[in-house]
Amino acid sequence: QVQLVESGGGLAQPGGSLSLSCAASGAILSINSMGWYRQAPGKQRELVATITSSGSTTYADSVKGRFTISRDNAKSTVHLQLNTLKPEDTAVYYCNAEYEVGIAAVDAWGQGTLVTVSS
């Protein structure tokens, strides 16, 4: 199994910045991709950004050019830099890791960290 622990988040003003980190433990060698999702009140969880073990990234259109995902494979961590924050970025952000168990792909989730963007 893979366990994920998030850190970072908090309160920022519109136009400000925050950073999130997520540390993986357990069966880390089986991890393929890691990423961040978010869920705003009353809305479904949505993808923010993902990064593969080779460094390929994907971003939601709403965060392109503002958020940057990075990964340290040696430390089994993934980071999300959030710049030029907007009130609509307010959400609980969840770290995700997709890893292999035999021939199956399994998702692990962190506990979530709250990001609030408000003046």
N, C-alpha and C. Protein backbone atom coordinates (compact mmCIF):
# COMPACT_ATOMS: atom_id res chain seq x y z
N GLN A 1 0.83 -1.20 0.00
CA GLN A 1 0.00 0.00 0.00
C GLN A 1 0.87 1.25 0.00
N VAL A 2 0.25 2.33 -0.42
CA VAL A 2 0.92 3.64 -0.43
C VAL A 2 0.16 4.56 0.49
N GLN A 3 0.88 5.27 1.32
CA GLN A 3 0.29 6.27 2.19
C GLN A 3 0.80 7.65 1.79
N LEU A 4 -0.09 8.64 1.87
CA LEU A 4 0.24 10.00 1.46
C LEU A 4 -0.04 10.97 2.59
N VAL A 5 0.90 11.87 2.83
CA VAL A 5 0.73 12.90 3.85
C VAL A 5 0.99 14.26 3.21
N GLU A 6 0.01 15.12 3.29
CA GLU A 6 0.09 16.45 2.68
C GLU A 6 0.50 17.50 3.71
N SER A 7 1.08 18.56 3.21
CA SER A 7 1.39 19.71 4.04
C SER A 7 1.27 20.96 3.18
N GLY A 8 1.17 22.09 3.85
CA GLY A 8 1.02 23.34 3.14
C GLY A 8 -0.44 23.77 3.12
N GLY A 9 -0.75 24.66 2.25
CA GLY A 9 -2.10 25.20 2.19
C GLY A 9 -2.28 26.35 3.16
N GLY A 10 -3.52 26.75 3.36
CA GLY A 10 -3.80 27.86 4.26
C GLY A 10 -4.55 28.96 3.55
N LEU A 11 -4.34 30.18 4.04
CA LEU A 11 -5.06 31.34 3.54
C LEU A 11 -4.14 32.23 2.71
N ALA A 12 -4.63 32.66 1.57
CA ALA A 12 -3.88 33.59 0.73
C ALA A 12 -4.84 34.62 0.17
N GLN A 13 -4.30 35.77 -0.17
CA GLN A 13 -5.09 36.82 -0.81
C GLN A 13 -5.13 36.57 -2.31
N PRO A 14 -6.13 37.07 -2.98
CA PRO A 14 -6.15 36.98 -4.44
C PRO A 14 -4.87 37.55 -5.02
N GLY A 15 -4.29 36.81 -5.96
CA GLY A 15 -3.02 37.19 -6.55
C GLY A 15 -1.81 36.67 -5.81
N GLY A 16 -2.05 36.08 -4.66
CA GLY A 16 -0.95 35.56 -3.85
C GLY A 16 -0.53 34.16 -4.24
N SER A 17 0.33 33.58 -3.43
CA SER A 17 0.90 32.26 -3.71
C SER A 17 0.85 31.37 -2.48
N LEU A 18 0.78 30.10 -2.74
CA LEU A 18 0.89 29.07 -1.70
C LEU A 18 1.62 27.89 -2.30
N SER A 19 2.10 27.01 -1.44
CA SER A 19 2.70 25.78 -1.93
C SER A 19 2.19 24.60 -1.12
N LEU A 20 2.02 23.50 -1.80
CA LEU A 20 1.58 22.25 -1.20
C LEU A 20 2.64 21.18 -1.42
N SER A 21 2.78 20.31 -0.46
CA SER A 21 3.70 19.17 -0.61
C SER A 21 2.99 17.90 -0.18
N CYS A 22 3.44 16.81 -0.74
CA CYS A 22 2.85 15.51 -0.41
C CYS A 22 3.97 14.48 -0.39
N ALA A 23 4.09 13.80 0.73
CA ALA A 23 5.12 12.77 0.88
C ALA A 23 4.48 11.39 0.85
N ALA A 24 5.03 10.52 0.03
CA ALA A 24 4.52 9.16 -0.09
C ALA A 24 5.40 8.20 0.71
N SER A 25 4.78 7.19 1.25
CA SER A 25 5.51 6.13 1.95
C SER A 25 4.84 4.80 1.66
N GLY A 26 5.53 3.73 1.99
CA GLY A 26 5.00 2.40 1.71
C GLY A 26 5.57 1.86 0.42
N ALA A 27 4.72 1.38 -0.44
CA ALA A 27 5.13 0.74 -1.70
C ALA A 27 5.43 1.79 -2.77
N ILE A 28 6.40 2.65 -2.49
CA ILE A 28 6.65 3.80 -3.37
C ILE A 28 7.21 3.38 -4.73
N LEU A 29 7.87 2.25 -4.80
CA LEU A 29 8.42 1.83 -6.09
C LEU A 29 7.34 1.43 -7.08
N SER A 30 6.13 1.21 -6.58
CA SER A 30 5.03 0.83 -7.47
C SER A 30 4.23 2.03 -7.97
N ILE A 31 4.65 3.23 -7.56
CA ILE A 31 3.91 4.43 -7.96
C ILE A 31 4.21 4.79 -9.40
N ASN A 32 3.18 5.01 -10.18
CA ASN A 32 3.35 5.48 -11.56
C ASN A 32 3.23 7.00 -11.62
N SER A 33 2.08 7.50 -11.32
CA SER A 33 1.88 8.94 -11.40
C SER A 33 1.41 9.46 -10.05
N MET A 34 1.68 10.74 -9.83
CA MET A 34 1.19 11.44 -8.65
C MET A 34 0.53 12.72 -9.10
N GLY A 35 -0.32 13.25 -8.26
CA GLY A 35 -0.99 14.47 -8.68
C GLY A 35 -1.79 15.10 -7.57
N TRP A 36 -2.50 16.15 -7.96
CA TRP A 36 -3.34 16.90 -7.05
C TRP A 36 -4.73 17.05 -7.65
N TYR A 37 -5.72 16.87 -6.79
CA TYR A 37 -7.10 17.10 -7.14
C TYR A 37 -7.66 18.09 -6.12
N ARG A 38 -8.79 18.68 -6.43
CA ARG A 38 -9.40 19.59 -5.47
C ARG A 38 -10.91 19.45 -5.49
N GLN A 39 -11.50 19.80 -4.37
CA GLN A 39 -12.95 19.74 -4.26
C GLN A 39 -13.44 20.97 -3.53
N ALA A 40 -14.19 21.79 -4.24
CA ALA A 40 -14.77 22.98 -3.65
C ALA A 40 -16.13 22.62 -3.04
N PRO A 41 -16.61 23.42 -2.11
CA PRO A 41 -17.90 23.12 -1.47
C PRO A 41 -19.02 22.98 -2.50
N GLY A 42 -19.74 21.89 -2.42
CA GLY A 42 -20.86 21.67 -3.32
C GLY A 42 -20.49 21.23 -4.71
N LYS A 43 -19.22 20.97 -4.93
CA LYS A 43 -18.77 20.57 -6.27
C LYS A 43 -18.07 19.22 -6.22
N GLN A 44 -17.93 18.61 -7.39
CA GLN A 44 -17.24 17.34 -7.47
C GLN A 44 -15.72 17.56 -7.43
N ARG A 45 -15.05 16.51 -7.02
CA ARG A 45 -13.59 16.56 -7.02
C ARG A 45 -13.11 16.63 -8.47
N GLU A 46 -12.12 17.49 -8.71
CA GLU A 46 -11.61 17.67 -10.07
C GLU A 46 -10.10 17.61 -10.08
N LEU A 47 -9.57 17.21 -11.23
CA LEU A 47 -8.13 17.13 -11.40
C LEU A 47 -7.54 18.53 -11.47
N VAL A 48 -6.41 18.71 -10.80
CA VAL A 48 -5.66 19.96 -10.88
C VAL A 48 -4.42 19.76 -11.75
N ALA A 49 -3.60 18.80 -11.37
CA ALA A 49 -2.37 18.54 -12.12
C ALA A 49 -1.86 17.15 -11.77
N THR A 50 -1.19 16.52 -12.73
CA THR A 50 -0.56 15.23 -12.49
C THR A 50 0.85 15.23 -13.06
N ILE A 51 1.67 14.33 -12.56
CA ILE A 51 3.03 14.19 -13.06
C ILE A 51 3.41 12.72 -13.00
N THR A 52 4.00 12.21 -14.08
CA THR A 52 4.41 10.82 -14.11
C THR A 52 5.82 10.68 -13.55
N SER A 53 6.24 9.43 -13.40
CA SER A 53 7.58 9.19 -12.87
C SER A 53 8.66 9.70 -13.81
N SER A 54 8.32 9.85 -15.09
CA SER A 54 9.29 10.39 -16.05
C SER A 54 9.22 11.90 -16.15
N GLY A 55 8.27 12.50 -15.45
CA GLY A 55 8.20 13.95 -15.42
C GLY A 55 7.18 14.58 -16.36
N SER A 56 6.39 13.79 -17.05
CA SER A 56 5.35 14.34 -17.91
C SER A 56 4.22 14.90 -17.06
N THR A 57 3.76 16.08 -17.43
CA THR A 57 2.75 16.77 -16.62
C THR A 57 1.48 17.03 -17.41
N THR A 58 0.38 17.11 -16.68
CA THR A 58 -0.89 17.56 -17.23
C THR A 58 -1.49 18.54 -16.24
N TYR A 59 -2.22 19.51 -16.77
CA TYR A 59 -2.85 20.53 -15.94
C TYR A 59 -4.29 20.75 -16.38
N ALA A 60 -5.13 21.08 -15.41
CA ALA A 60 -6.47 21.55 -15.76
C ALA A 60 -6.33 22.90 -16.45
N ASP A 61 -7.21 23.16 -17.40
CA ASP A 61 -7.13 24.44 -18.11
C ASP A 61 -7.22 25.63 -17.16
N SER A 62 -7.97 25.47 -16.11
CA SER A 62 -8.19 26.58 -15.18
C SER A 62 -6.95 26.98 -14.39
N VAL A 63 -5.93 26.11 -14.37
CA VAL A 63 -4.73 26.43 -13.58
C VAL A 63 -3.48 26.55 -14.44
N LYS A 64 -3.59 26.28 -15.72
CA LYS A 64 -2.41 26.37 -16.59
C LYS A 64 -1.81 27.76 -16.54
N GLY A 65 -0.49 27.81 -16.41
CA GLY A 65 0.22 29.07 -16.35
C GLY A 65 0.27 29.68 -14.96
N ARG A 66 -0.50 29.11 -14.03
CA ARG A 66 -0.51 29.64 -12.66
C ARG A 66 0.03 28.64 -11.65
N PHE A 67 -0.26 27.38 -11.86
CA PHE A 67 0.18 26.31 -10.94
C PHE A 67 1.30 25.51 -11.59
N THR A 68 2.21 25.03 -10.77
CA THR A 68 3.29 24.18 -11.27
C THR A 68 3.44 22.97 -10.38
N ILE A 69 3.41 21.80 -10.99
CA ILE A 69 3.61 20.55 -10.25
C ILE A 69 5.02 20.05 -10.49
N SER A 70 5.63 19.53 -9.45
CA SER A 70 6.96 18.96 -9.58
C SER A 70 7.07 17.73 -8.69
N ARG A 71 8.05 16.91 -8.97
CA ARG A 71 8.16 15.64 -8.26
C ARG A 71 9.62 15.35 -7.97
N ASP A 72 9.88 14.89 -6.77
CA ASP A 72 11.20 14.44 -6.37
C ASP A 72 11.14 12.94 -6.16
N ASN A 73 11.54 12.19 -7.15
CA ASN A 73 11.41 10.73 -7.06
C ASN A 73 12.27 10.16 -5.94
N ALA A 74 13.44 10.77 -5.70
CA ALA A 74 14.32 10.25 -4.66
C ALA A 74 13.68 10.38 -3.28
N LYS A 75 12.89 11.44 -3.11
CA LYS A 75 12.25 11.66 -1.82
C LYS A 75 10.79 11.25 -1.80
N SER A 76 10.31 10.75 -2.95
CA SER A 76 8.91 10.31 -3.07
C SER A 76 7.95 11.40 -2.66
N THR A 77 8.23 12.60 -3.13
CA THR A 77 7.36 13.73 -2.82
C THR A 77 6.89 14.41 -4.09
N VAL A 78 5.77 15.04 -4.00
CA VAL A 78 5.24 15.84 -5.10
C VAL A 78 4.84 17.20 -4.53
N HIS A 79 5.12 18.23 -5.30
CA HIS A 79 4.84 19.58 -4.86
C HIS A 79 3.91 20.27 -5.84
N LEU A 80 3.14 21.20 -5.33
CA LEU A 80 2.30 22.02 -6.18
C LEU A 80 2.49 23.48 -5.77
N GLN A 81 3.02 24.26 -6.68
CA GLN A 81 3.18 25.70 -6.45
C GLN A 81 1.97 26.40 -7.04
N LEU A 82 1.27 27.15 -6.22
CA LEU A 82 0.07 27.85 -6.64
C LEU A 82 0.36 29.35 -6.67
N ASN A 83 0.37 29.92 -7.85
CA ASN A 83 0.62 31.35 -8.01
C ASN A 83 -0.61 32.04 -8.59
N THR A 84 -0.64 33.34 -8.44
CA THR A 84 -1.73 34.15 -8.98
C THR A 84 -3.07 33.56 -8.59
N LEU A 85 -3.22 33.31 -7.31
CA LEU A 85 -4.42 32.62 -6.82
C LEU A 85 -5.67 33.46 -7.02
N LYS A 86 -6.76 32.76 -7.25
CA LYS A 86 -8.07 33.38 -7.44
C LYS A 86 -9.04 32.84 -6.39
N PRO A 87 -10.07 33.58 -6.06
CA PRO A 87 -11.05 33.06 -5.08
C PRO A 87 -11.62 31.70 -5.49
N GLU A 88 -11.75 31.48 -6.79
CA GLU A 88 -12.30 30.20 -7.24
C GLU A 88 -11.32 29.03 -7.08
N ASP A 89 -10.11 29.31 -6.64
CA ASP A 89 -9.17 28.23 -6.32
C ASP A 89 -9.41 27.67 -4.91
N THR A 90 -10.29 28.32 -4.17
CA THR A 90 -10.61 27.86 -2.83
C THR A 90 -11.20 26.46 -2.87
N ALA A 91 -10.58 25.55 -2.15
CA ALA A 91 -11.02 24.15 -2.17
C ALA A 91 -10.15 23.35 -1.21
N VAL A 92 -10.58 22.14 -0.96
CA VAL A 92 -9.72 21.17 -0.29
C VAL A 92 -8.91 20.47 -1.37
N TYR A 93 -7.61 20.49 -1.23
CA TYR A 93 -6.72 19.89 -2.21
C TYR A 93 -6.25 18.53 -1.70
N TYR A 94 -6.36 17.54 -2.57
CA TYR A 94 -6.01 16.16 -2.22
C TYR A 94 -4.85 15.68 -3.07
N CYS A 95 -3.89 15.09 -2.42
CA CYS A 95 -2.79 14.43 -3.11
C CYS A 95 -3.23 13.05 -3.56
N ASN A 96 -2.79 12.65 -4.73
CA ASN A 96 -3.16 11.34 -5.29
C ASN A 96 -1.91 10.63 -5.81
N ALA A 97 -1.89 9.33 -5.63
CA ALA A 97 -0.85 8.50 -6.24
C ALA A 97 -1.52 7.30 -6.89
N GLU A 98 -1.16 7.04 -8.13
CA GLU A 98 -1.65 5.84 -8.80
C GLU A 98 -0.52 4.82 -8.79
N TYR A 99 -0.78 3.66 -8.22
CA TYR A 99 0.28 2.68 -8.12
C TYR A 99 -0.25 1.31 -8.51
N GLU A 100 0.67 0.40 -8.74
CA GLU A 100 0.32 -0.93 -9.23
C GLU A 100 0.28 -1.94 -8.09
N VAL A 101 -0.76 -2.73 -8.11
CA VAL A 101 -0.86 -3.90 -7.23
C VAL A 101 -1.13 -5.08 -8.16
N GLY A 102 -0.08 -5.84 -8.45
CA GLY A 102 -0.21 -6.89 -9.46
C GLY A 102 -0.45 -6.24 -10.81
N ILE A 103 -1.54 -6.60 -11.47
CA ILE A 103 -1.87 -6.01 -12.76
C ILE A 103 -2.90 -4.89 -12.63
N ALA A 104 -3.28 -4.61 -11.41
CA ALA A 104 -4.31 -3.59 -11.18
C ALA A 104 -3.68 -2.25 -10.84
N ALA A 105 -4.36 -1.19 -11.24
CA ALA A 105 -3.95 0.17 -10.88
C ALA A 105 -4.83 0.62 -9.73
N VAL A 106 -4.20 1.11 -8.69
CA VAL A 106 -4.91 1.50 -7.46
C VAL A 106 -4.61 2.95 -7.14
N ASP A 107 -5.59 3.65 -6.63
CA ASP A 107 -5.41 5.04 -6.21
C ASP A 107 -5.27 5.15 -4.71
N ALA A 108 -4.29 5.95 -4.29
CA ALA A 108 -4.16 6.33 -2.89
C ALA A 108 -4.44 7.82 -2.77
N TRP A 109 -5.02 8.21 -1.65
CA TRP A 109 -5.39 9.61 -1.45
C TRP A 109 -4.86 10.11 -0.11
N GLY A 110 -4.46 11.38 -0.11
CA GLY A 110 -4.12 12.01 1.14
C GLY A 110 -5.38 12.47 1.86
N GLN A 111 -5.18 13.05 3.02
CA GLN A 111 -6.32 13.45 3.85
C GLN A 111 -6.93 14.77 3.42
N GLY A 112 -6.21 15.50 2.57
CA GLY A 112 -6.71 16.78 2.08
C GLY A 112 -6.18 17.94 2.90
N THR A 113 -5.94 19.04 2.21
CA THR A 113 -5.49 20.26 2.88
C THR A 113 -6.27 21.43 2.29
N LEU A 114 -6.72 22.33 3.15
CA LEU A 114 -7.59 23.41 2.72
C LEU A 114 -6.80 24.61 2.20
N VAL A 115 -7.19 25.08 1.04
CA VAL A 115 -6.67 26.32 0.47
C VAL A 115 -7.82 27.31 0.38
N THR A 116 -7.63 28.45 1.01
CA THR A 116 -8.65 29.49 1.00
C THR A 116 -8.04 30.75 0.40
N VAL A 117 -8.70 31.27 -0.62
CA VAL A 117 -8.24 32.49 -1.27
C VAL A 117 -9.30 33.57 -1.04
N SER A 118 -8.92 34.53 -0.25
CA SER A 118 -9.88 35.56 0.13
C SER A 118 -9.15 36.82 0.58
N SER A 119 -9.77 37.96 0.33
CA SER A 119 -9.20 39.21 0.80
C SER A 119 -9.78 39.57 2.16
